[in-house]
Amino acid sequence: MSNERTRPIVALFPLPNVVQFPTAPFTYHIYEPRYRTMLAECLAQNIPIAMVLCEPRVNHSAPQHTIDLMEDSINAFPSNGDEYPIRLPHDVCTLLSIESHFVNDDGRVLIQGIGGARIKITGIVQRSPYLIAEWVGLSEVPSHANTAARHAFTFVYERYLHVMRTFGEQHRQRISWSDDDVTLSWQIAHAFRLAPSIKQMLLTMSTITRMRTLIRLLRAELRTIPHGQPPSPHVPPWSWN
C-alpha cells in the first residue's frame, strides 16, 4: 500500500446477498483464510472493516459508471486468482462496530456487533490478500420532512400490523421504533425482508428518500393482500415479511 493517502483506509469484507445497515446488529462467521488474516491484522493495526455487498459483474445492480470505476480501480492491481472483476463490490457500504470476536479451534472466527456509519469507497489501494480502500463518510442531512415521513410510516405500519393479525399472524409484534429519524429509517430497512439489490439501494439513499421508499413498499404490500381469510395454515404468499 502507498503511504501517500489523502483519505482514511478501510478493509472490505465483501459478501454476496448481504447488506449491513447502520445500527443493525450482526453476527458473522469468518472462515476464509484471507478474511481471518484480515480480521487479525485490522484488529492489531486498528484498521476499520466494512461490510460490502458483492455482486456478479454481468448483472450488477449499481449504475454502470459506478461498476466501471470499481472495476478499473481493482484492475489497477495484478490479479492473484481472486473473484474480481467477475464479482465486484458496491461503492457504498457500512463500517462494522465489532463488539466481540471468538476464535474457534479450527481457526474460524465469530464476530458480533452493530453496523456503524455509512461510507463511500473512493478508490482501491490494495487488492491482495484482501481489498483495502480509501473512503469518505456519508452524512445525513436533518429535515423536517423526515419527521413527517416518520409519522406516515407509523400510521401505515399500524394498518399493516392490524391486517396481518386478522389473518392469524399473531407473532407480528409491535416494534419499539426509535424517536431519532435517521435511526428509525435504518430500523425499518432492517425489519423488512427485501432483496439485496433493494437493500443496497436503500443504503445509498438520504433519510427522507429511504423513508418514503419504505412507505411505498409497505403500502404496495397492503394493496396486494386479498380480502377475506387466506388459506390456512399456509404462509400468505403475497408477503415478503
C-alpha atoms as a PDB file:
ATOM      1  CA  MET A   1       0.000   0.000   0.000  1.00  0.00           C
ATOM      2  CA  SER A   2       1.165   3.504  -0.741  1.00  0.00           C
ATOM      3  CA  ASN A   3       1.910   5.819   2.180  1.00  0.00           C
ATOM      4  CA  GLU A   4       0.667   8.807   0.170  1.00  0.00           C
ATOM      5  CA  ARG A   5      -3.012   8.825   1.036  1.00  0.00           C
ATOM      6  CA  THR A   6      -5.460  11.664   1.241  1.00  0.00           C
ATOM      7  CA  ARG A   7      -8.269   9.708   2.887  1.00  0.00           C
ATOM      8  CA  PRO A   8      -8.591   7.100   5.646  1.00  0.00           C
ATOM      9  CA  ILE A   9      -8.488   3.422   4.699  1.00  0.00           C
ATOM     10  CA  VAL A  10     -10.852   0.529   5.383  1.00  0.00           C
ATOM     11  CA  ALA A  11     -10.619  -3.222   4.818  1.00  0.00           C
ATOM     12  CA  LEU A  12     -13.510  -4.572   2.775  1.00  0.00           C
ATOM     13  CA  PHE A  13     -15.410  -7.703   3.760  1.00  0.00           C
ATOM     14  CA  PRO A  14     -17.385  -8.458   0.565  1.00  0.00           C
ATOM     15  CA  LEU A  15     -20.232 -10.946   0.759  1.00  0.00           C
ATOM     16  CA  PRO A  16     -22.913 -11.946  -1.755  1.00  0.00           C
ATOM     17  CA  ASN A  17     -26.531 -11.307  -0.737  1.00  0.00           C
ATOM     18  CA  VAL A  18     -25.604  -9.429   2.449  1.00  0.00           C
ATOM     19  CA  VAL A  19     -26.230  -5.735   3.105  1.00  0.00           C
ATOM     20  CA  GLN A  20     -25.347  -4.422   6.553  1.00  0.00           C
ATOM     21  CA  PHE A  21     -27.358  -1.413   7.731  1.00  0.00           C
ATOM     22  CA  PRO A  22     -26.115   1.137  10.290  1.00  0.00           C
ATOM     23  CA  THR A  23     -27.338   0.445  13.859  1.00  0.00           C
ATOM     24  CA  ALA A  24     -28.409  -3.114  12.912  1.00  0.00           C
ATOM     25  CA  PRO A  25     -26.913  -5.972  14.960  1.00  0.00           C
ATOM     26  CA  PHE A  26     -24.824  -8.592  13.171  1.00  0.00           C
ATOM     27  CA  THR A  27     -23.232 -11.982  13.695  1.00  0.00           C
ATOM     28  CA  TYR A  28     -20.825 -13.200  11.019  1.00  0.00           C
ATOM     29  CA  HIS A  29     -18.705 -16.330  10.715  1.00  0.00           C
ATOM     30  CA  ILE A  30     -15.337 -15.714   9.088  1.00  0.00           C
ATOM     31  CA  TYR A  31     -13.869 -18.907   7.680  1.00  0.00           C
ATOM     32  CA  GLU A  32     -11.854 -17.967   4.562  1.00  0.00           C
ATOM     33  CA  PRO A  33      -8.135 -17.720   5.411  1.00  0.00           C
ATOM     34  CA  ARG A  34      -7.730 -14.305   3.734  1.00  0.00           C
ATOM     35  CA  TYR A  35     -10.527 -12.809   5.826  1.00  0.00           C
ATOM     36  CA  ARG A  36      -9.296 -14.436   9.012  1.00  0.00           C
ATOM     37  CA  THR A  37      -5.979 -12.743   8.210  1.00  0.00           C
ATOM     38  CA  MET A  38      -7.825  -9.501   7.506  1.00  0.00           C
ATOM     39  CA  LEU A  39      -9.577  -9.560  10.873  1.00  0.00           C
ATOM     40  CA  ALA A  40      -6.394 -10.306  12.805  1.00  0.00           C
ATOM     41  CA  GLU A  41      -4.389  -7.593  11.013  1.00  0.00           C
ATOM     42  CA  CYS A  42      -7.140  -4.988  11.244  1.00  0.00           C
ATOM     43  CA  LEU A  43      -7.664  -5.569  14.958  1.00  0.00           C
ATOM     44  CA  ALA A  44      -3.904  -5.367  15.554  1.00  0.00           C
ATOM     45  CA  GLN A  45      -3.457  -2.215  13.441  1.00  0.00           C
ATOM     46  CA  ASN A  46      -6.745  -0.545  14.344  1.00  0.00           C
ATOM     47  CA  ILE A  47      -7.944  -0.537  10.721  1.00  0.00           C
ATOM     48  CA  PRO A  48     -11.738  -0.415  10.348  1.00  0.00           C
ATOM     49  CA  ILE A  49     -13.625  -3.107   8.453  1.00  0.00           C
ATOM     50  CA  ALA A  50     -16.668  -2.502   6.256  1.00  0.00           C
ATOM     51  CA  MET A  51     -19.269  -4.996   5.098  1.00  0.00           C
ATOM     52  CA  VAL A  52     -19.950  -4.522   1.385  1.00  0.00           C
ATOM     53  CA  LEU A  53     -22.371  -6.226  -0.986  1.00  0.00           C
ATOM     54  CA  CYS A  54     -20.548  -8.039  -3.792  1.00  0.00           C
ATOM     55  CA  GLU A  55     -22.451  -8.952  -6.954  1.00  0.00           C
ATOM     56  CA  PRO A  56     -21.639 -10.608 -10.313  1.00  0.00           C
ATOM     57  CA  ARG A  57     -20.361  -8.124 -12.878  1.00  0.00           C
ATOM     58  CA  VAL A  58     -22.840  -9.296 -15.530  1.00  0.00           C
ATOM     59  CA  ASN A  59     -25.951  -8.403 -13.526  1.00  0.00           C
ATOM     60  CA  HIS A  60     -24.614  -5.909 -11.016  1.00  0.00           C
ATOM     61  CA  SER A  61     -27.311  -3.609  -9.619  1.00  0.00           C
ATOM     62  CA  ALA A  62     -25.142  -0.472  -9.363  1.00  0.00           C
ATOM     63  CA  PRO A  63     -25.168   2.236 -12.072  1.00  0.00           C
ATOM     64  CA  GLN A  64     -22.860   1.428 -14.980  1.00  0.00           C
ATOM     65  CA  HIS A  65     -20.403   4.243 -14.253  1.00  0.00           C
ATOM     66  CA  THR A  66     -20.044   3.005 -10.659  1.00  0.00           C
ATOM     67  CA  ILE A  67     -19.354  -0.527 -11.890  1.00  0.00           C
ATOM     68  CA  ASP A  68     -16.741   0.725 -14.364  1.00  0.00           C
ATOM     69  CA  LEU A  69     -14.958   2.853 -11.753  1.00  0.00           C
ATOM     70  CA  MET A  70     -14.816  -0.043  -9.276  1.00  0.00           C
ATOM     71  CA  GLU A  71     -13.546  -2.437 -11.943  1.00  0.00           C
ATOM     72  CA  ASP A  72     -10.849  -0.003 -13.085  1.00  0.00           C
ATOM     73  CA  SER A  73      -9.771   0.666  -9.503  1.00  0.00           C
ATOM     74  CA  ILE A  74      -9.385  -3.046  -8.736  1.00  0.00           C
ATOM     75  CA  ASN A  75      -7.746  -3.865 -12.068  1.00  0.00           C
ATOM     76  CA  ALA A  76      -5.034  -1.308 -11.368  1.00  0.00           C
ATOM     77  CA  PHE A  77      -3.513  -4.110  -9.268  1.00  0.00           C
ATOM     78  CA  PRO A  78      -2.414  -7.535 -10.556  1.00  0.00           C
ATOM     79  CA  SER A  79      -4.825 -10.404 -10.037  1.00  0.00           C
ATOM     80  CA  ASN A  80      -3.989 -13.189  -7.621  1.00  0.00           C
ATOM     81  CA  GLY A  81      -6.738 -15.502  -8.844  1.00  0.00           C
ATOM     82  CA  ASP A  82      -9.431 -13.771  -6.806  1.00  0.00           C
ATOM     83  CA  GLU A  83     -13.069 -13.286  -7.850  1.00  0.00           C
ATOM     84  CA  TYR A  84     -12.547  -9.798  -9.283  1.00  0.00           C
ATOM     85  CA  PRO A  85     -13.752  -8.461 -11.682  1.00  0.00           C
ATOM     86  CA  ILE A  86     -16.161 -11.382 -12.228  1.00  0.00           C
ATOM     87  CA  ARG A  87     -17.733 -10.155  -8.998  1.00  0.00           C
ATOM     88  CA  LEU A  88     -17.474  -6.549  -7.851  1.00  0.00           C
ATOM     89  CA  PRO A  89     -18.236  -4.798  -4.563  1.00  0.00           C
ATOM     90  CA  HIS A  90     -20.538  -1.795  -4.405  1.00  0.00           C
ATOM     91  CA  ASP A  91     -19.084   1.600  -3.568  1.00  0.00           C
ATOM     92  CA  VAL A  92     -21.429   2.365  -0.631  1.00  0.00           C
ATOM     93  CA  CYS A  93     -21.089   0.152   2.417  1.00  0.00           C
ATOM     94  CA  THR A  94     -21.251   0.120   6.216  1.00  0.00           C
ATOM     95  CA  LEU A  95     -18.491   0.120   8.798  1.00  0.00           C
ATOM     96  CA  LEU A  96     -18.622  -2.704  11.317  1.00  0.00           C
ATOM     97  CA  SER A  97     -18.513  -1.864  15.002  1.00  0.00           C
ATOM     98  CA  ILE A  98     -17.169  -5.175  16.297  1.00  0.00           C
ATOM     99  CA  GLU A  99     -18.082  -5.664  19.935  1.00  0.00           C
ATOM    100  CA  SER A 100     -16.774  -9.209  20.389  1.00  0.00           C
ATOM    101  CA  HIS A 101     -14.969 -11.931  18.481  1.00  0.00           C
ATOM    102  CA  PHE A 102     -14.357 -15.584  19.232  1.00  0.00           C
ATOM    103  CA  VAL A 103     -11.779 -17.826  17.546  1.00  0.00           C
ATOM    104  CA  ASN A 104     -12.770 -21.472  17.170  1.00  0.00           C
ATOM    105  CA  ASP A 105     -10.279 -24.320  17.481  1.00  0.00           C
ATOM    106  CA  ASP A 106     -10.324 -24.771  13.688  1.00  0.00           C
ATOM    107  CA  GLY A 107      -9.446 -21.103  13.121  1.00  0.00           C
ATOM    108  CA  ARG A 108     -12.875 -19.862  12.140  1.00  0.00           C
ATOM    109  CA  VAL A 109     -13.906 -16.628  13.812  1.00  0.00           C
ATOM    110  CA  LEU A 110     -17.293 -15.455  15.054  1.00  0.00           C
ATOM    111  CA  ILE A 111     -17.734 -11.681  15.223  1.00  0.00           C
ATOM    112  CA  GLN A 112     -20.661  -9.780  16.709  1.00  0.00           C
ATOM    113  CA  GLY A 113     -21.574  -6.120  16.928  1.00  0.00           C
ATOM    114  CA  ILE A 114     -23.655  -3.442  15.246  1.00  0.00           C
ATOM    115  CA  GLY A 115     -23.456  -1.575  11.975  1.00  0.00           C
ATOM    116  CA  GLY A 116     -21.604   1.729  12.160  1.00  0.00           C
ATOM    117  CA  ALA A 117     -21.563   4.659   9.741  1.00  0.00           C
ATOM    118  CA  ARG A 118     -22.211   4.534   6.011  1.00  0.00           C
ATOM    119  CA  ILE A 119     -19.192   5.205   3.843  1.00  0.00           C
ATOM    120  CA  LYS A 120     -18.409   5.635   0.141  1.00  0.00           C
ATOM    121  CA  ILE A 121     -15.381   3.926  -1.372  1.00  0.00           C
ATOM    122  CA  THR A 122     -13.286   6.364  -3.395  1.00  0.00           C
ATOM    123  CA  GLY A 123     -10.536   4.020  -4.577  1.00  0.00           C
ATOM    124  CA  ILE A 124      -8.866   0.662  -4.006  1.00  0.00           C
ATOM    125  CA  VAL A 125      -5.348   0.824  -2.528  1.00  0.00           C
ATOM    126  CA  GLN A 126      -4.725  -2.921  -2.029  1.00  0.00           C
ATOM    127  CA  ARG A 127      -6.079  -5.984  -3.806  1.00  0.00           C
ATOM    128  CA  SER A 128      -4.206  -8.874  -2.239  1.00  0.00           C
ATOM    129  CA  PRO A 129      -4.716 -10.738   0.022  1.00  0.00           C
ATOM    130  CA  TYR A 130      -7.896  -8.711   0.667  1.00  0.00           C
ATOM    131  CA  LEU A 131      -9.276  -5.396  -0.526  1.00  0.00           C
ATOM    132  CA  ILE A 132      -8.332  -2.177   1.231  1.00  0.00           C
ATOM    133  CA  ALA A 133      -9.912   1.063   0.076  1.00  0.00           C
ATOM    134  CA  GLU A 134      -9.891   4.778   0.725  1.00  0.00           C
ATOM    135  CA  TRP A 135     -13.237   6.185   1.789  1.00  0.00           C
ATOM    136  CA  VAL A 136     -15.272   9.216   2.764  1.00  0.00           C
ATOM    137  CA  GLY A 137     -18.212   9.373   5.136  1.00  0.00           C
ATOM    138  CA  LEU A 138     -21.789   9.918   4.005  1.00  0.00           C
ATOM    139  CA  SER A 139     -23.620  12.460   6.121  1.00  0.00           C
ATOM    140  CA  GLU A 140     -27.321  12.512   6.984  1.00  0.00           C
ATOM    141  CA  VAL A 141     -28.994  15.867   6.421  1.00  0.00           C
ATOM    142  CA  PRO A 142     -31.659  16.794   9.029  1.00  0.00           C
ATOM    143  CA  SER A 143     -35.030  17.663   7.541  1.00  0.00           C
ATOM    144  CA  HIS A 144     -38.497  18.488   8.854  1.00  0.00           C
ATOM    145  CA  ALA A 145     -39.746  16.151   6.120  1.00  0.00           C
ATOM    146  CA  ASN A 146     -38.085  13.252   7.974  1.00  0.00           C
ATOM    147  CA  THR A 147     -40.445  13.744  10.915  1.00  0.00           C
ATOM    148  CA  ALA A 148     -43.494  13.833   8.627  1.00  0.00           C
ATOM    149  CA  ALA A 149     -42.311  10.624   6.972  1.00  0.00           C
ATOM    150  CA  ARG A 150     -41.846   9.021  10.393  1.00  0.00           C
ATOM    151  CA  HIS A 151     -45.469   9.731  11.327  1.00  0.00           C
ATOM    152  CA  ALA A 152     -46.654   8.474   7.933  1.00  0.00           C
ATOM    153  CA  PHE A 153     -44.718   5.246   8.331  1.00  0.00           C
ATOM    154  CA  THR A 154     -46.060   4.648  11.848  1.00  0.00           C
ATOM    155  CA  PHE A 155     -49.623   5.050  10.570  1.00  0.00           C
ATOM    156  CA  VAL A 156     -49.140   2.700   7.603  1.00  0.00           C
ATOM    157  CA  TYR A 157     -47.277   0.106   9.676  1.00  0.00           C
ATOM    158  CA  GLU A 158     -50.059   0.001  12.281  1.00  0.00           C
ATOM    159  CA  ARG A 159     -52.538  -0.669   9.456  1.00  0.00           C
ATOM    160  CA  TYR A 160     -50.290  -3.418   8.115  1.00  0.00           C
ATOM    161  CA  LEU A 161     -49.880  -4.966  11.568  1.00  0.00           C
ATOM    162  CA  HIS A 162     -53.656  -4.957  12.108  1.00  0.00           C
ATOM    163  CA  VAL A 163     -54.331  -6.597   8.725  1.00  0.00           C
ATOM    164  CA  MET A 164     -51.722  -9.310   9.198  1.00  0.00           C
ATOM    165  CA  ARG A 165     -53.047 -10.109  12.667  1.00  0.00           C
ATOM    166  CA  THR A 166     -56.545 -10.547  11.278  1.00  0.00           C
ATOM    167  CA  PHE A 167     -55.025 -13.284   9.120  1.00  0.00           C
ATOM    168  CA  GLY A 168     -53.789 -15.067  12.220  1.00  0.00           C
ATOM    169  CA  GLU A 169     -50.190 -13.886  12.187  1.00  0.00           C
ATOM    170  CA  GLN A 170     -50.164 -13.102  15.888  1.00  0.00           C
ATOM    171  CA  HIS A 171     -46.384 -13.428  16.079  1.00  0.00           C
ATOM    172  CA  ARG A 172     -46.021  -9.995  14.498  1.00  0.00           C
ATOM    173  CA  GLN A 173     -45.176  -7.792  17.445  1.00  0.00           C
ATOM    174  CA  ARG A 174     -45.083  -4.043  17.618  1.00  0.00           C
ATOM    175  CA  ILE A 175     -41.546  -2.775  17.265  1.00  0.00           C
ATOM    176  CA  SER A 176     -40.137  -0.183  19.637  1.00  0.00           C
ATOM    177  CA  TRP A 177     -39.299   2.401  16.996  1.00  0.00           C
ATOM    178  CA  SER A 178     -36.607   4.980  17.685  1.00  0.00           C
ATOM    179  CA  ASP A 179     -37.518   8.653  18.107  1.00  0.00           C
ATOM    180  CA  ASP A 180     -34.474   9.574  16.019  1.00  0.00           C
ATOM    181  CA  ASP A 181     -35.455   9.849  12.362  1.00  0.00           C
ATOM    182  CA  VAL A 182     -32.172   8.513  10.958  1.00  0.00           C
ATOM    183  CA  THR A 183     -32.057   5.546  13.342  1.00  0.00           C
ATOM    184  CA  LEU A 184     -35.721   4.844  12.642  1.00  0.00           C
ATOM    185  CA  SER A 185     -35.096   4.686   8.898  1.00  0.00           C
ATOM    186  CA  TRP A 186     -32.419   2.036   9.475  1.00  0.00           C
ATOM    187  CA  GLN A 187     -34.670   0.135  11.865  1.00  0.00           C
ATOM    188  CA  ILE A 188     -37.371  -0.030   9.210  1.00  0.00           C
ATOM    189  CA  ALA A 189     -34.942  -1.102   6.493  1.00  0.00           C
ATOM    190  CA  HIS A 190     -33.547  -3.846   8.742  1.00  0.00           C
ATOM    191  CA  ALA A 191     -37.008  -5.051   9.816  1.00  0.00           C
ATOM    192  CA  PHE A 192     -38.211  -5.896   6.307  1.00  0.00           C
ATOM    193  CA  ARG A 193     -37.084  -8.872   4.241  1.00  0.00           C
ATOM    194  CA  LEU A 194     -36.027  -7.399   0.934  1.00  0.00           C
ATOM    195  CA  ALA A 195     -33.844  -8.453  -1.980  1.00  0.00           C
ATOM    196  CA  PRO A 196     -30.164  -7.487  -1.540  1.00  0.00           C
ATOM    197  CA  SER A 197     -30.324  -5.110  -4.511  1.00  0.00           C
ATOM    198  CA  ILE A 198     -33.215  -3.219  -2.880  1.00  0.00           C
ATOM    199  CA  LYS A 199     -31.395  -3.136   0.448  1.00  0.00           C
ATOM    200  CA  GLN A 200     -28.323  -1.730  -1.297  1.00  0.00           C
ATOM    201  CA  MET A 201     -30.483   0.917  -2.951  1.00  0.00           C
ATOM    202  CA  LEU A 202     -31.855   1.899   0.469  1.00  0.00           C
ATOM    203  CA  LEU A 203     -28.314   2.095   1.835  1.00  0.00           C
ATOM    204  CA  THR A 204     -27.359   4.721  -0.737  1.00  0.00           C
ATOM    205  CA  MET A 205     -30.422   6.948  -0.167  1.00  0.00           C
ATOM    206  CA  SER A 206     -30.892  10.002   2.001  1.00  0.00           C
ATOM    207  CA  THR A 207     -33.010   9.532   5.112  1.00  0.00           C
ATOM    208  CA  ILE A 208     -36.128  11.141   3.639  1.00  0.00           C
ATOM    209  CA  THR A 209     -35.855   9.218   0.358  1.00  0.00           C
ATOM    210  CA  ARG A 210     -35.281   5.962   2.244  1.00  0.00           C
ATOM    211  CA  MET A 211     -38.316   6.583   4.477  1.00  0.00           C
ATOM    212  CA  ARG A 212     -40.582   7.455   1.551  1.00  0.00           C
ATOM    213  CA  THR A 213     -39.420   4.391  -0.388  1.00  0.00           C
ATOM    214  CA  LEU A 214     -40.138   2.105   2.574  1.00  0.00           C
ATOM    215  CA  ILE A 215     -43.597   3.647   2.996  1.00  0.00           C
ATOM    216  CA  ARG A 216     -44.333   2.994  -0.694  1.00  0.00           C
ATOM    217  CA  LEU A 217     -43.177  -0.621  -0.343  1.00  0.00           C
ATOM    218  CA  LEU A 218     -45.425  -1.149   2.673  1.00  0.00           C
ATOM    219  CA  ARG A 219     -48.424   0.478   1.006  1.00  0.00           C
ATOM    220  CA  ALA A 220     -47.841  -1.681  -2.065  1.00  0.00           C
ATOM    221  CA  GLU A 221     -47.926  -4.811   0.072  1.00  0.00           C
ATOM    222  CA  LEU A 222     -51.120  -3.677   1.765  1.00  0.00           C
ATOM    223  CA  ARG A 223     -52.754  -3.347  -1.649  1.00  0.00           C
ATOM    224  CA  THR A 224     -51.789  -6.904  -2.594  1.00  0.00           C
ATOM    225  CA  ILE A 225     -53.345  -8.525   0.484  1.00  0.00           C
ATOM    226  CA  PRO A 226     -56.682 -10.071  -0.572  1.00  0.00           C
ATOM    227  CA  HIS A 227     -59.926  -9.515   1.288  1.00  0.00           C
ATOM    228  CA  GLY A 228     -61.131 -12.349   3.467  1.00  0.00           C
ATOM    229  CA  GLN A 229     -59.309 -15.146   5.254  1.00  0.00           C
ATOM    230  CA  PRO A 230     -56.346 -16.651   3.348  1.00  0.00           C
ATOM    231  CA  PRO A 231     -55.961 -20.438   3.142  1.00  0.00           C
ATOM    232  CA  SER A 232     -54.651 -21.869   6.391  1.00  0.00           C
ATOM    233  CA  PRO A 233     -52.084 -22.945   7.539  1.00  0.00           C
ATOM    234  CA  HIS A 234     -50.095 -21.650   4.567  1.00  0.00           C
ATOM    235  CA  VAL A 235     -47.973 -18.534   4.912  1.00  0.00           C
ATOM    236  CA  PRO A 236     -49.556 -15.763   2.830  1.00  0.00           C
ATOM    237  CA  PRO A 237     -47.712 -15.921  -0.500  1.00  0.00           C
ATOM    238  CA  TRP A 238     -48.005 -12.196  -1.165  1.00  0.00           C
ATOM    239  CA  SER A 239     -45.965 -11.137   1.855  1.00  0.00           C
ATOM    240  CA  TRP A 240     -42.187 -10.708   1.858  1.00  0.00           C
ATOM    241  CA  ASN A 241     -42.214 -10.197   5.631  1.00  0.00           C
END
